Protein backbone atom coordinates (compact mmCIF):
# COMPACT_ATOMS: atom_id res chain seq x y z
CA UNK A 1 2.50 22.78 -76.55
CA UNK A 2 0.89 23.71 -73.30
CA UNK A 3 -0.82 26.91 -72.00
CA UNK A 4 -2.20 27.94 -68.47
CA UNK A 5 -4.07 31.19 -67.79
CA UNK A 6 -5.47 32.75 -64.49
CA UNK A 7 -7.66 35.78 -63.86
CA UNK A 8 -7.22 36.17 -59.96
CA UNK A 9 -9.35 35.12 -57.22
CA UNK A 10 -13.04 34.19 -56.89
CA UNK A 11 -15.02 34.34 -53.58
CA UNK A 12 -18.11 32.48 -53.13
CA UNK A 13 -19.15 34.91 -50.23
CA UNK A 14 -19.47 37.91 -52.37
CA UNK A 15 -19.91 36.84 -56.14
CA UNK A 16 -22.61 35.21 -57.86
CA UNK A 17 -22.85 31.93 -59.35
CA UNK A 18 -23.50 33.44 -62.69
CA UNK A 19 -20.32 35.49 -62.07
CA UNK A 20 -18.50 32.25 -61.53
CA UNK A 21 -19.89 30.50 -64.77
CA UNK A 22 -18.98 33.68 -66.62
CA UNK A 23 -15.44 33.42 -65.53
CA UNK A 24 -15.34 29.63 -66.23
CA UNK A 25 -16.58 30.12 -69.85
CA UNK A 26 -14.51 33.09 -70.49
CA UNK A 27 -11.26 31.35 -69.19
CA UNK A 28 -11.85 28.32 -71.36
CA UNK A 29 -12.60 30.22 -74.39
CA UNK A 30 -9.52 32.29 -74.10
CA UNK A 31 -7.32 29.31 -73.29
CA UNK A 32 -8.76 27.73 -76.42
CA UNK A 33 -7.96 30.79 -78.59
CA UNK A 34 -4.67 31.30 -77.09
CA UNK A 35 -3.57 27.81 -77.83
CA UNK A 36 -4.81 28.10 -81.52
CA UNK A 37 -2.64 31.06 -81.53
CA UNK A 38 0.15 29.08 -80.02
CA UNK A 39 0.25 26.76 -82.86
CA UNK A 40 1.86 29.41 -85.43
CA UNK A 41 3.54 31.75 -82.65
CA UNK A 42 5.97 31.65 -80.07
CA UNK A 43 5.37 31.25 -76.44
CA UNK A 44 6.29 34.95 -75.89
CA UNK A 45 3.98 36.14 -78.67
CA UNK A 46 1.26 33.93 -77.16
CA UNK A 47 1.45 34.98 -73.72
CA UNK A 48 1.15 38.67 -74.75
CA UNK A 49 -1.96 37.51 -76.95
CA UNK A 50 -3.67 35.80 -74.02
CA UNK A 51 -3.22 38.43 -71.74
CA UNK A 52 -4.47 41.07 -74.20
CA UNK A 53 -7.58 38.98 -74.27
CA UNK A 54 -7.94 38.74 -70.59
CA UNK A 55 -7.50 42.71 -70.62
CA UNK A 56 -10.25 43.18 -72.68
CA UNK A 57 -12.69 41.25 -70.45
CA UNK A 58 -14.44 43.40 -67.80
CA UNK A 59 -14.63 40.28 -65.61
CA UNK A 60 -10.94 40.75 -64.72
CA UNK A 61 -8.97 43.42 -62.78
CA UNK A 62 -6.62 44.40 -65.86
CA UNK A 63 -6.87 46.65 -69.15
CA UNK A 64 -10.89 47.63 -69.33
CA UNK A 65 -11.63 45.89 -66.07
CA UNK A 66 -9.24 47.87 -63.81
CA UNK A 67 -9.65 49.29 -60.50
CA UNK A 68 -9.36 52.73 -59.63
CA UNK A 69 -6.82 54.31 -57.06
CA UNK A 70 -7.73 56.44 -54.15
CA UNK A 71 -7.24 59.52 -56.39
CA UNK A 72 -10.03 58.34 -58.85
CA UNK A 73 -7.39 57.49 -61.59
CA UNK A 74 -6.89 54.09 -63.26
CA UNK A 75 -2.96 52.93 -63.33
CA UNK A 76 -1.94 49.64 -64.65
CA UNK A 77 0.90 47.55 -64.76
CA UNK A 78 2.18 44.45 -66.92
CA UNK A 79 5.14 42.51 -67.60
CA UNK A 80 6.35 39.91 -70.16
CA UNK A 81 9.19 37.52 -69.77
CA UNK A 82 10.91 35.28 -72.48
CA UNK A 83 12.39 32.38 -70.70
CA UNK A 84 15.09 31.71 -73.54
CA UNK A 85 16.52 34.98 -73.66
CA UNK A 86 15.55 35.99 -69.87
CA UNK A 87 14.66 39.41 -71.23
CA UNK A 88 11.87 41.04 -69.22
CA UNK A 89 10.04 43.96 -70.02
CA UNK A 90 7.09 45.97 -68.49
CA UNK A 91 5.15 48.94 -67.55
CA UNK A 92 4.25 50.26 -64.23
CA UNK A 93 1.54 52.53 -63.42
CA UNK A 94 0.58 53.33 -66.90
CA UNK A 95 -2.50 55.45 -67.77
CA UNK A 96 -4.77 55.58 -70.63
CA UNK A 97 -3.67 52.49 -72.55
CA UNK A 98 -6.30 49.92 -73.56
CA UNK A 99 -3.71 46.92 -73.60
CA UNK A 100 -0.55 47.63 -71.25
CA UNK A 101 0.70 44.20 -72.18
CA UNK A 102 1.28 45.07 -75.81
CA UNK A 103 3.37 48.25 -74.58
CA UNK A 104 5.49 45.83 -72.33
CA UNK A 105 5.75 43.57 -75.68
CA UNK A 106 7.11 46.44 -77.65
CA UNK A 107 9.38 47.24 -74.83
CA UNK A 108 11.08 44.01 -75.35
CA UNK A 109 13.28 45.36 -78.08
CA UNK A 110 14.41 48.22 -76.20
CA UNK A 111 17.56 48.71 -74.02
CA UNK A 112 15.45 50.31 -71.32
CA UNK A 113 12.69 47.81 -70.98
CA UNK A 114 10.67 48.74 -67.91
CA UNK A 115 9.06 52.22 -67.71
CA UNK A 116 6.81 53.63 -65.15
CA UNK A 117 4.04 56.33 -64.91
CA UNK A 118 4.44 59.21 -67.59
CA UNK A 119 7.36 57.80 -69.17
CA UNK A 120 5.29 54.70 -70.11
CA UNK A 121 2.49 56.86 -71.23
CA UNK A 122 4.57 58.90 -73.53
CA UNK A 123 6.40 55.69 -74.88
CA UNK A 124 2.98 54.15 -75.61
CA UNK A 125 1.71 57.55 -77.39
CA UNK A 126 4.80 57.56 -79.53
CA UNK A 127 4.47 54.16 -80.62
CA UNK A 128 0.80 54.38 -81.61
CA UNK A 129 -0.83 52.55 -79.28
CA UNK A 130 -4.59 52.75 -78.78
CA UNK A 131 -5.67 55.63 -76.26
CA UNK A 132 -8.11 54.35 -73.58
CA UNK A 133 -9.92 56.65 -71.36
CA UNK A 134 -9.78 55.79 -67.74
CA UNK A 135 -11.27 58.97 -66.72
CA UNK A 136 -14.49 57.40 -64.96
CA UNK A 137 -16.08 59.33 -62.16
CA UNK A 138 -16.33 56.78 -59.39
CA UNK A 139 -16.83 57.21 -55.75
CA UNK A 140 -15.88 54.74 -53.09
CA UNK A 141 -19.40 53.55 -52.80
CA UNK A 142 -19.76 52.76 -56.49
CA UNK A 143 -16.37 50.74 -56.32
CA UNK A 144 -17.48 48.66 -53.35
CA UNK A 145 -20.85 48.03 -55.41
CA UNK A 146 -18.51 46.83 -58.25
CA UNK A 147 -16.49 44.48 -55.80
CA UNK A 148 -19.81 42.81 -54.92
CA UNK A 149 -21.19 42.65 -58.44
CA UNK A 150 -18.28 41.66 -60.52
CA UNK A 151 -15.09 40.10 -58.71
CA UNK A 152 -11.69 41.08 -60.11
CA UNK A 153 -8.27 39.61 -60.17
CA UNK A 154 -4.97 40.11 -61.80
CA UNK A 155 -4.50 38.28 -65.08
CA UNK A 156 -1.48 36.26 -66.42
CA UNK A 157 -0.51 33.51 -68.83
CA UNK A 158 2.32 31.00 -69.08
CA UNK A 159 2.96 29.06 -72.33
CA UNK A 160 5.14 26.41 -73.73
CA UNK A 161 5.75 26.33 -77.52
CA UNK A 162 6.54 23.71 -80.08
CA UNK A 163 10.40 24.63 -80.07
CA UNK A 164 10.37 24.08 -76.05
CA UNK A 165 10.41 27.75 -75.26
CA UNK A 166 8.88 29.18 -72.15
CA UNK A 167 7.23 32.60 -71.61
CA UNK A 168 5.28 34.43 -69.19
CA UNK A 169 3.04 37.59 -69.15
CA UNK A 170 1.02 39.22 -66.11
CA UNK A 171 -1.22 42.35 -66.07
CA UNK A 172 -3.08 44.09 -63.35
CA UNK A 173 -5.26 47.04 -62.71
CA UNK A 174 -3.87 47.28 -58.94
CA UNK A 175 -5.94 46.45 -55.76
CA UNK A 176 -8.28 49.56 -55.89
CA UNK A 177 -7.95 52.49 -53.69
CA UNK A 178 -4.41 52.24 -53.18
CA UNK A 179 -2.05 55.01 -52.49
CA UNK A 180 -1.10 56.62 -56.08
CA UNK A 181 2.27 55.53 -57.08
CA UNK A 182 1.94 52.02 -55.43
CA UNK A 183 3.77 49.29 -57.22
CA UNK A 184 2.43 45.64 -57.05
CA UNK A 185 4.27 42.57 -57.84
CA UNK A 186 3.01 42.01 -61.52
CA UNK A 187 5.71 43.81 -63.26
CA UNK A 188 8.49 42.55 -61.09
CA UNK A 189 10.29 39.39 -60.91
CA UNK A 190 8.43 38.38 -57.54
CA UNK A 191 5.07 37.97 -59.71
CA UNK A 192 6.51 37.21 -63.14
CA UNK A 193 9.37 35.08 -63.77
CA UNK A 194 10.63 32.74 -66.38
CA UNK A 195 13.90 30.90 -67.53
CA UNK A 196 14.54 27.96 -69.77
CA UNK A 197 13.35 25.59 -67.00
CA UNK A 198 10.28 27.07 -65.59
CA UNK A 199 7.75 30.08 -65.98
CA UNK A 200 5.45 31.42 -63.32
CA UNK A 201 2.80 34.15 -63.05
CA UNK A 202 1.21 35.07 -59.68
CA UNK A 203 -1.90 36.87 -58.44
CA UNK A 204 -2.97 37.69 -54.96
CA UNK A 205 -1.56 40.37 -52.70
CA UNK A 206 1.35 42.16 -54.31
CA UNK A 207 3.07 43.13 -51.01
CA UNK A 208 2.76 39.35 -49.94
CA UNK A 209 4.21 38.08 -53.32
CA UNK A 210 7.08 40.59 -53.52
CA UNK A 211 7.80 39.80 -49.78
CA UNK A 212 7.96 35.97 -50.67
CA UNK A 213 9.74 36.58 -54.04
CA UNK A 214 7.20 33.91 -55.07
CA UNK A 215 7.66 33.61 -58.82
CA UNK A 216 11.47 33.90 -58.78
CA UNK A 217 11.81 31.39 -55.83
CA UNK A 218 9.71 28.73 -57.74
CA UNK A 219 11.70 29.17 -61.12
CA UNK A 220 15.01 28.96 -59.27
CA UNK A 221 14.10 25.98 -57.37
CA UNK A 222 12.93 24.18 -60.46
CA UNK A 223 16.06 25.30 -62.11
CA UNK A 224 18.29 23.75 -59.14
CA UNK A 225 16.58 20.24 -59.44
CA UNK A 226 13.27 20.31 -57.53
CA UNK A 227 10.08 19.28 -59.16
CA UNK A 228 7.49 21.77 -59.93
CA UNK A 229 5.30 20.47 -57.19
CA UNK A 230 8.19 20.36 -54.66
CA UNK A 231 9.08 24.12 -55.71
CA UNK A 232 5.60 25.13 -55.18
CA UNK A 233 5.36 23.45 -51.88
CA UNK A 234 8.40 24.68 -50.45
CA UNK A 235 7.63 28.39 -51.63
CA UNK A 236 3.97 28.38 -50.60
CA UNK A 237 5.08 27.17 -47.15
CA UNK A 238 7.31 30.20 -46.65
CA UNK A 239 4.33 32.39 -47.90
CA UNK A 240 2.20 30.79 -45.14
CA UNK A 241 4.75 32.10 -42.28
CA UNK A 242 3.90 35.59 -43.21
CA UNK A 243 -0.07 34.68 -43.60
CA UNK A 244 0.48 35.49 -47.35
CA UNK A 245 -2.29 35.68 -50.02
CA UNK A 246 -1.35 34.36 -53.41
CA UNK A 247 -1.68 32.07 -56.34
CA UNK A 248 0.45 31.03 -59.01
CA UNK A 249 0.36 29.22 -62.45
CA UNK A 250 3.78 27.43 -63.95
CA UNK A 251 4.94 25.11 -66.60
CA UNK A 252 8.23 23.68 -66.53
CA UNK A 253 10.31 22.74 -69.73
CA UNK A 254 9.09 19.07 -69.51
CA UNK A 255 5.37 20.44 -69.91
CA UNK A 256 4.26 19.68 -66.38
CA UNK A 257 1.64 22.18 -65.54
CA UNK A 258 1.00 23.33 -61.91
CA UNK A 259 -1.17 25.69 -59.99
CA UNK A 260 -1.47 26.36 -56.40
CA UNK A 261 -3.29 29.16 -54.11
CA UNK A 262 -2.83 30.08 -50.36
CA UNK A 263 -6.66 30.76 -50.17
CA UNK A 264 -9.37 29.59 -52.26
CA UNK A 265 -10.23 30.15 -55.02
CA UNK A 266 -7.98 31.31 -57.92
CA UNK A 267 -9.48 31.10 -61.10
CA UNK A 268 -7.47 29.42 -64.02
CA UNK A 269 -7.89 27.44 -67.21
CA UNK A 270 -5.28 25.23 -68.75
CA UNK A 271 -5.23 23.37 -72.27
CA UNK A 272 -2.92 21.21 -74.17
CA UNK A 273 -4.87 20.83 -77.39
CA UNK A 274 -6.85 17.70 -75.79
CA UNK A 275 -7.71 18.21 -72.31
CA UNK A 276 -9.12 21.40 -70.32
CA UNK A 277 -8.82 21.99 -66.88
CA UNK A 278 -10.89 24.81 -65.54
CA UNK A 279 -11.26 26.06 -61.82
CA UNK A 280 -14.37 24.52 -60.06
């Protein structure tokens, strides 16, 4: 069993040492709790659980910590993919829900598994998900102050369970002050992808990740026989051509864990029941 989580990027230039320590402690705690959960649950259940904990932590740009868009409204996206069944489910630009990843998990049983906007919100309401008010009056100056003070980042989790199944989940609150209706990578196969060979979750600039098809490329290359490291190296070399900004975490079916970023520093933590690795 293995687990790795990420919480976006950390910048030494605009975030404090205290924030860095808080993220290190938070990620280590969530990785440990999620690994305990993994002992008695499937990989797909565990990645949803782990991402919900990240959504509940205001340090990260997902769920309760989500950024506002240019019209002052918070819209969130999240996706879940089961490597064994290769079913992916997700919500795009959903409003007023505390944990978008749980709505994505509920959608896994539906024929129509990716919903956006008002349809996603109606589905969440009809299925009893907790309403979460996102009508917070914030101006641009307050948003910029929040950036300086908090440091945000898309969140994700990849897990390998005791039965050898892989799964991935990713959630985001957007990049902040985007045009309403913008779609990021998080609820697409560019940012969140898994099969029986490999699972990958991405963070960074959504447009770059989509242009590079980052997660899908890495998984496909591992499926075709490349090592996890070589698949990352080739995919990130292609990202560099477009000066792309991204980070990714992954586990392959042999239990190899890998992470890479194009610009320092993606924040992450991994745990295998014995050893932790946490970003420095």
